[in-house]
Amino acid sequence: MAGSTARSSTRRGSTARGRTGRTGTPRSRTGRGAGAVAALACAALLLAACGSTGSPGAAASGGGPAKKDGKVGVILPLLTSPFWQSYNDYVPKMAKSGGVDALKTVNSNSDPAQQITDMNNQLNQGVAGIVVAPLDSAAIAAGLQQAERKNVPVVAVDVAPEKGKVAMVVRADNVAYGEKACDYLGQKVKKGKVVQIMGDLASVNGRDRSTAFRDCARKKYPDLKVLEIPAKWESDTAAAKLDTLLGAHPDIKGIYLQAGGVYLAPTLQTLKSKKLLFPAGDERHIAIISNDGIPQEFDAIRRGDIDATVSQPADAYAKYGMYYIKAAMAGKTFEPGPTDHDSTIVKTPSGNLEDQLPAPLVTKENVDDPKLWGNTIK
């Protein structure tokens, strides 16, 4: 859930928008924050010298040949979201079915510096591979550099790194998330004020979704007025800012939640407290589309509290994270193009490959589909 001037994970290549919303280099953790994280990484890893981040194609050195088998470290960004809780549950199952000897997952607790320390700890334990969901797509370069020095392959899940080498990025197309949300609200609302509750704009996911939604609305739905809440994947921040915004704009017609796992509950509670929560079909209903595909969103769709969500594939993230790390440890490489699992591998501007997994739109018409991962967990 992190930044540079390019969307580092999609087939579209335009300038990213930073925290201020102005076009240009975003105010992300790429500067002082990333430097501080890198400095902490140096202190944490005394056995290796920390230099500048190498290019994605830089040759590894000092670690000997990559291991064809061995233990795999799995590092989570956080466990406060139902989405990541579900991913965490899938990891051991997918590792077992994929023949991967995965260690118990490590939770970085939403701290990018801790995530680098976690990677270094795994490397010092002698893991043969790492699967990590980066918290900050710039700061993660420090950990990737150490892995490359030790010839330990890394697969990134959910977030594409801006710099540093990974064997594969396993991720859905986050630009498509924003566009799907825009199209859904554009067709539902047609005219009026809509708000997108954004993620962390230091995250490529937050930027991709935000920019895509904004651009789509401007180009295709000029009668929509887009308001924005930068909430940094924080539920308390989302609730407080939405409460303030609704006080100033009680005539909101639609809401886009960029992460249902953290924004769904506070959004519904805030609407309820403002006496603005009405079921779908009521003329006073505020149309809501979310992202994640967690069971709680499905229940909210069934109740009529929200209208739709884009199902981010937690099961496939775990499955193909294990698949690609096993392949990388065996020395297998891939090329851009369609896969055998209904996705497409693309080359990112950073030079890494990304498997863009499908993420279906879920509405009341298909919310009970047993194939959706949100319907397969308890």
Foldseek 3Di string as FASTA:
>chain_A
DAFFQFLFADPDTGGFAAPVRDTDGHPTCLPPNLVVLLVLLCVLQVPDHQDDQDAQPDAAADADAFALAFEEAEEEAADLFLLSVVLLVLQVVLCVVLVHRYDRYHYQHNDQSSRLSVLSVVVVVPGREYEYAHSYLNNCSSSLNVCRNNNRAYEYEAAHHLGHHHQEYEHAQLLVQLQVQLVVCCVVVLAEEEEEEFAHSRTSSRRSNVVSNVVNCVVPRVRYDYHYQYQNLAQVSLLVVVLVVCVVPVPHQEYEYAACRRHVVSVLVSCVVVVQFDFPPPPSHREYEYEALALVVLVCQVRRRYFKYWHTQSNVSSNVSSVSSSCVSNVHHDDFADDPQGWTWDQTPSRHIYTHDHTDMDGPVCSCPCVRVNNVDD
